[in-house]
C-alpha cells in the first residue's frame, strides 16, 4: 500500500502534491521567460521569496438525491514568487 519512498524511510505517507508542483513549475517557466524578455541572466536567478495565501472560495452547486443541493467549493490560492539575480563571485 505504501509507495517506495515512504517505505524506504519508514514513513506512513510518501506522496507529493502533484498538481501544486505543476503550478509552481509553470510559474517558474513563466518567470524564466519574463527574465529573458527583460534581458536578465536566467542561470543566475534564485528564488528570494515565495508565499502562498488562501483566496476567496468559489461556490458552485452539486445536486444530490431526493432534491437536495450541496455546495461544491473550490479552494484557490494566490501565489507570490520573487526571483533575483545572485551576484557573480
N, C-alpha and C. Protein backbone atom coordinates (compact mmCIF):
# COMPACT_ATOMS: atom_id res chain seq x y z
N UNK A 1 0.77 -1.20 0.00
CA UNK A 1 0.00 0.00 0.00
C UNK A 1 0.81 1.27 0.00
N UNK A 2 1.97 1.26 0.66
CA UNK A 2 2.77 2.49 0.70
C UNK A 2 3.65 2.58 -0.54
N UNK A 3 4.06 3.79 -0.87
CA UNK A 3 4.94 3.95 -2.02
C UNK A 3 6.38 3.72 -1.57
N UNK A 4 7.26 3.52 -2.56
CA UNK A 4 8.63 3.10 -2.28
C UNK A 4 9.39 4.12 -1.44
N UNK A 5 9.16 5.40 -1.69
CA UNK A 5 9.91 6.41 -0.96
C UNK A 5 9.53 6.40 0.53
N UNK A 6 8.26 6.21 0.82
CA UNK A 6 7.83 6.16 2.22
C UNK A 6 8.34 4.89 2.89
N UNK A 7 8.31 3.79 2.17
CA UNK A 7 8.75 2.52 2.72
C UNK A 7 10.25 2.56 3.05
N UNK A 8 11.00 3.24 2.18
CA UNK A 8 12.45 3.33 2.37
C UNK A 8 12.81 4.01 3.69
N UNK A 9 12.07 5.04 4.06
CA UNK A 9 12.39 5.80 5.26
C UNK A 9 11.50 5.43 6.45
N UNK A 10 10.59 4.47 6.28
CA UNK A 10 9.74 4.04 7.38
C UNK A 10 8.61 4.99 7.69
N UNK A 11 8.20 5.80 6.71
CA UNK A 11 7.11 6.73 6.89
C UNK A 11 5.81 6.09 6.45
N UNK A 12 4.69 6.66 6.90
CA UNK A 12 3.39 6.13 6.50
C UNK A 12 2.87 6.80 5.24
N UNK A 13 3.28 8.04 4.97
CA UNK A 13 2.84 8.73 3.77
C UNK A 13 4.04 9.17 2.96
N UNK A 14 3.96 8.99 1.65
CA UNK A 14 5.09 9.37 0.82
C UNK A 14 4.70 9.97 -0.50
N UNK A 15 3.49 10.44 -0.62
CA UNK A 15 3.07 11.03 -1.89
C UNK A 15 3.38 12.52 -1.88
N UNK A 16 3.48 13.09 -3.07
CA UNK A 16 3.78 14.50 -3.23
C UNK A 16 2.60 15.21 -3.86
N UNK A 17 2.42 16.49 -3.58
CA UNK A 17 1.29 17.24 -4.17
C UNK A 17 1.56 17.53 -5.65
N UNK A 18 1.15 16.61 -6.52
CA UNK A 18 1.49 16.67 -7.95
C UNK A 18 0.91 17.91 -8.63
N UNK A 19 -0.36 18.22 -8.39
CA UNK A 19 -0.99 19.35 -9.06
C UNK A 19 -0.36 20.67 -8.61
N UNK A 20 -0.09 20.81 -7.33
CA UNK A 20 0.53 22.04 -6.81
C UNK A 20 1.94 22.21 -7.37
N UNK A 21 2.68 21.11 -7.47
CA UNK A 21 4.04 21.18 -8.00
C UNK A 21 4.01 21.60 -9.47
N UNK A 22 3.02 21.12 -10.23
CA UNK A 22 2.90 21.51 -11.64
C UNK A 22 2.63 23.01 -11.76
N UNK A 23 1.80 23.57 -10.88
CA UNK A 23 1.54 25.01 -10.91
C UNK A 23 2.82 25.80 -10.65
N UNK A 24 3.60 25.36 -9.65
CA UNK A 24 4.84 26.08 -9.33
C UNK A 24 5.85 25.97 -10.46
N UNK A 25 5.94 24.80 -11.10
CA UNK A 25 6.84 24.66 -12.25
C UNK A 25 6.42 25.57 -13.39
N UNK A 26 5.10 25.68 -13.60
CA UNK A 26 4.60 26.57 -14.65
C UNK A 26 4.96 28.02 -14.33
N UNK A 27 4.84 28.41 -13.06
CA UNK A 27 5.21 29.78 -12.67
C UNK A 27 6.70 30.03 -12.85
N UNK A 28 7.54 29.03 -12.54
CA UNK A 28 8.98 29.20 -12.72
C UNK A 28 9.35 29.35 -14.20
N UNK A 29 8.69 28.58 -15.06
CA UNK A 29 8.93 28.72 -16.50
C UNK A 29 8.50 30.10 -16.99
N UNK A 30 7.38 30.59 -16.47
CA UNK A 30 6.89 31.92 -16.83
C UNK A 30 7.88 32.99 -16.36
N UNK A 31 8.39 32.83 -15.13
CA UNK A 31 9.36 33.80 -14.61
C UNK A 31 10.65 33.78 -15.43
N UNK A 32 11.04 32.59 -15.89
CA UNK A 32 12.24 32.48 -16.73
C UNK A 32 12.04 33.21 -18.06
N UNK A 33 10.86 33.06 -18.64
CA UNK A 33 10.55 33.76 -19.89
C UNK A 33 10.55 35.27 -19.68
N UNK A 34 9.97 35.72 -18.56
CA UNK A 34 9.95 37.15 -18.26
C UNK A 34 11.37 37.69 -18.07
N UNK A 35 12.24 36.90 -17.43
CA UNK A 35 13.62 37.33 -17.21
C UNK A 35 14.36 37.46 -18.53
N UNK A 36 14.13 36.51 -19.45
CA UNK A 36 14.76 36.58 -20.77
C UNK A 36 14.29 37.83 -21.51
N UNK A 37 13.01 38.15 -21.39
CA UNK A 37 12.46 39.32 -22.06
C UNK A 37 13.07 40.61 -21.52
N UNK A 38 13.35 40.62 -20.20
CA UNK A 38 13.93 41.81 -19.58
C UNK A 38 15.45 41.88 -19.74
N UNK A 39 16.04 40.84 -20.33
CA UNK A 39 17.48 40.84 -20.56
C UNK A 39 18.30 40.43 -19.35
N UNK A 40 17.71 39.68 -18.42
CA UNK A 40 18.44 39.22 -17.24
C UNK A 40 19.12 37.88 -17.54
N UNK A 41 20.12 37.54 -16.73
CA UNK A 41 20.80 36.26 -16.87
C UNK A 41 19.97 35.18 -16.17
N UNK A 42 19.42 34.27 -16.96
CA UNK A 42 18.48 33.27 -16.43
C UNK A 42 19.18 32.29 -15.50
N UNK A 43 20.45 31.96 -15.79
CA UNK A 43 21.17 30.96 -14.99
C UNK A 43 21.51 31.47 -13.59
N UNK A 44 21.52 32.78 -13.39
CA UNK A 44 21.89 33.32 -12.08
C UNK A 44 20.66 33.69 -11.24
N UNK A 45 19.46 33.34 -11.68
CA UNK A 45 18.26 33.66 -10.91
C UNK A 45 18.10 32.70 -9.73
N UNK A 46 17.73 33.25 -8.59
CA UNK A 46 17.41 32.44 -7.41
C UNK A 46 16.07 32.91 -6.85
N UNK A 47 15.38 31.99 -6.18
CA UNK A 47 14.10 32.34 -5.56
C UNK A 47 14.40 33.05 -4.24
N UNK A 48 14.06 34.31 -4.18
CA UNK A 48 14.30 35.09 -2.96
C UNK A 48 13.14 34.94 -1.99
N UNK A 49 11.91 34.87 -2.51
CA UNK A 49 10.72 34.85 -1.66
C UNK A 49 9.63 34.08 -2.38
N UNK A 50 8.95 33.22 -1.65
CA UNK A 50 7.77 32.54 -2.21
C UNK A 50 6.73 32.44 -1.10
N UNK A 51 5.49 32.76 -1.43
CA UNK A 51 4.43 32.77 -0.43
C UNK A 51 3.13 32.35 -1.10
N UNK A 52 2.37 31.50 -0.43
CA UNK A 52 1.08 31.03 -0.93
C UNK A 52 0.02 31.40 0.10
N UNK A 53 -0.98 32.17 -0.34
CA UNK A 53 -2.07 32.60 0.54
C UNK A 53 -3.40 32.05 0.04
N UNK A 54 -4.33 31.89 0.97
CA UNK A 54 -5.68 31.47 0.59
C UNK A 54 -6.39 32.58 -0.17
N UNK A 55 -7.20 32.19 -1.14
CA UNK A 55 -8.02 33.13 -1.88
C UNK A 55 -9.48 32.85 -1.52
N UNK A 56 -10.39 33.76 -1.84
CA UNK A 56 -11.80 33.50 -1.56
C UNK A 56 -12.29 32.25 -2.28
N UNK A 57 -13.07 31.45 -1.57
CA UNK A 57 -13.58 30.22 -2.16
C UNK A 57 -14.64 30.53 -3.20
N UNK A 58 -14.63 29.75 -4.26
CA UNK A 58 -15.63 29.88 -5.31
C UNK A 58 -16.72 28.84 -5.03
N UNK A 59 -17.96 29.25 -5.16
CA UNK A 59 -19.08 28.38 -4.80
C UNK A 59 -19.84 27.95 -6.05
N UNK A 60 -20.01 26.64 -6.18
CA UNK A 60 -20.91 26.08 -7.19
C UNK A 60 -21.85 25.13 -6.46
N UNK A 61 -22.74 24.49 -7.18
CA UNK A 61 -23.66 23.59 -6.51
C UNK A 61 -23.61 22.21 -7.15
N UNK A 62 -23.82 21.21 -6.32
CA UNK A 62 -23.93 19.84 -6.81
C UNK A 62 -25.28 19.28 -6.36
N UNK A 63 -25.91 18.57 -7.23
CA UNK A 63 -27.27 18.08 -6.99
C UNK A 63 -27.20 16.67 -6.42
N UNK A 64 -27.95 16.45 -5.32
CA UNK A 64 -27.93 15.18 -4.61
C UNK A 64 -29.28 14.50 -4.73
N UNK A 65 -29.36 13.35 -4.11
CA UNK A 65 -30.60 12.58 -4.16
C UNK A 65 -31.71 13.28 -3.38
N UNK A 66 -32.93 12.99 -3.69
CA UNK A 66 -34.14 13.49 -3.03
C UNK A 66 -34.25 15.01 -3.12
N UNK A 67 -33.74 15.61 -4.18
CA UNK A 67 -33.91 17.03 -4.43
C UNK A 67 -33.03 17.95 -3.61
N UNK A 68 -32.02 17.40 -2.97
CA UNK A 68 -31.15 18.24 -2.16
C UNK A 68 -30.06 18.88 -3.02
N UNK A 69 -29.51 19.97 -2.54
CA UNK A 69 -28.40 20.64 -3.20
C UNK A 69 -27.31 20.89 -2.16
N UNK A 70 -26.09 20.51 -2.49
CA UNK A 70 -24.95 20.75 -1.60
C UNK A 70 -23.95 21.68 -2.27
N UNK A 71 -23.15 22.39 -1.48
CA UNK A 71 -22.14 23.26 -2.10
C UNK A 71 -21.01 22.43 -2.71
N UNK A 72 -20.45 22.95 -3.77
CA UNK A 72 -19.31 22.34 -4.45
C UNK A 72 -18.26 23.43 -4.52
N UNK A 73 -17.39 23.47 -3.48
CA UNK A 73 -16.48 24.59 -3.29
C UNK A 73 -15.11 24.28 -3.89
N UNK A 74 -14.47 25.33 -4.43
CA UNK A 74 -13.08 25.20 -4.84
C UNK A 74 -12.22 25.96 -3.85
N UNK A 75 -10.97 25.57 -3.72
CA UNK A 75 -10.07 26.21 -2.77
C UNK A 75 -8.89 26.83 -3.52
N UNK A 76 -9.08 28.00 -4.13
CA UNK A 76 -7.99 28.62 -4.88
C UNK A 76 -6.98 29.29 -3.95
N UNK A 77 -5.87 29.73 -4.53
CA UNK A 77 -4.85 30.41 -3.73
C UNK A 77 -4.16 31.47 -4.58
N UNK A 78 -3.48 32.38 -3.89
CA UNK A 78 -2.64 33.38 -4.53
C UNK A 78 -1.19 32.96 -4.30
N UNK A 79 -0.40 32.89 -5.38
CA UNK A 79 1.00 32.51 -5.26
C UNK A 79 1.85 33.73 -5.58
N UNK A 80 2.75 34.06 -4.67
CA UNK A 80 3.66 35.19 -4.85
C UNK A 80 5.09 34.66 -4.88
N UNK A 81 5.80 34.95 -5.98
CA UNK A 81 7.16 34.44 -6.13
C UNK A 81 8.06 35.58 -6.59
N UNK A 82 9.17 35.79 -5.89
CA UNK A 82 10.12 36.85 -6.25
C UNK A 82 11.46 36.20 -6.55
N UNK A 83 11.97 36.44 -7.76
CA UNK A 83 13.27 35.93 -8.18
C UNK A 83 14.24 37.10 -8.30
N UNK A 84 15.48 36.87 -7.90
CA UNK A 84 16.51 37.90 -8.05
C UNK A 84 17.76 37.26 -8.66
N UNK A 85 18.60 38.10 -9.24
CA UNK A 85 19.88 37.62 -9.76
C UNK A 85 20.89 37.58 -8.62
N UNK A 86 21.55 36.44 -8.47
CA UNK A 86 22.60 36.39 -7.44
C UNK A 86 23.88 36.97 -8.02
N UNK A 87 24.71 37.51 -7.14
CA UNK A 87 25.93 38.16 -7.59
C UNK A 87 26.95 37.12 -8.01
N UNK A 88 27.69 37.44 -9.06
CA UNK A 88 28.75 36.54 -9.54
C UNK A 88 29.98 36.70 -8.65
N UNK A 89 30.58 35.57 -8.29
CA UNK A 89 31.78 35.60 -7.44
C UNK A 89 33.02 35.72 -8.30
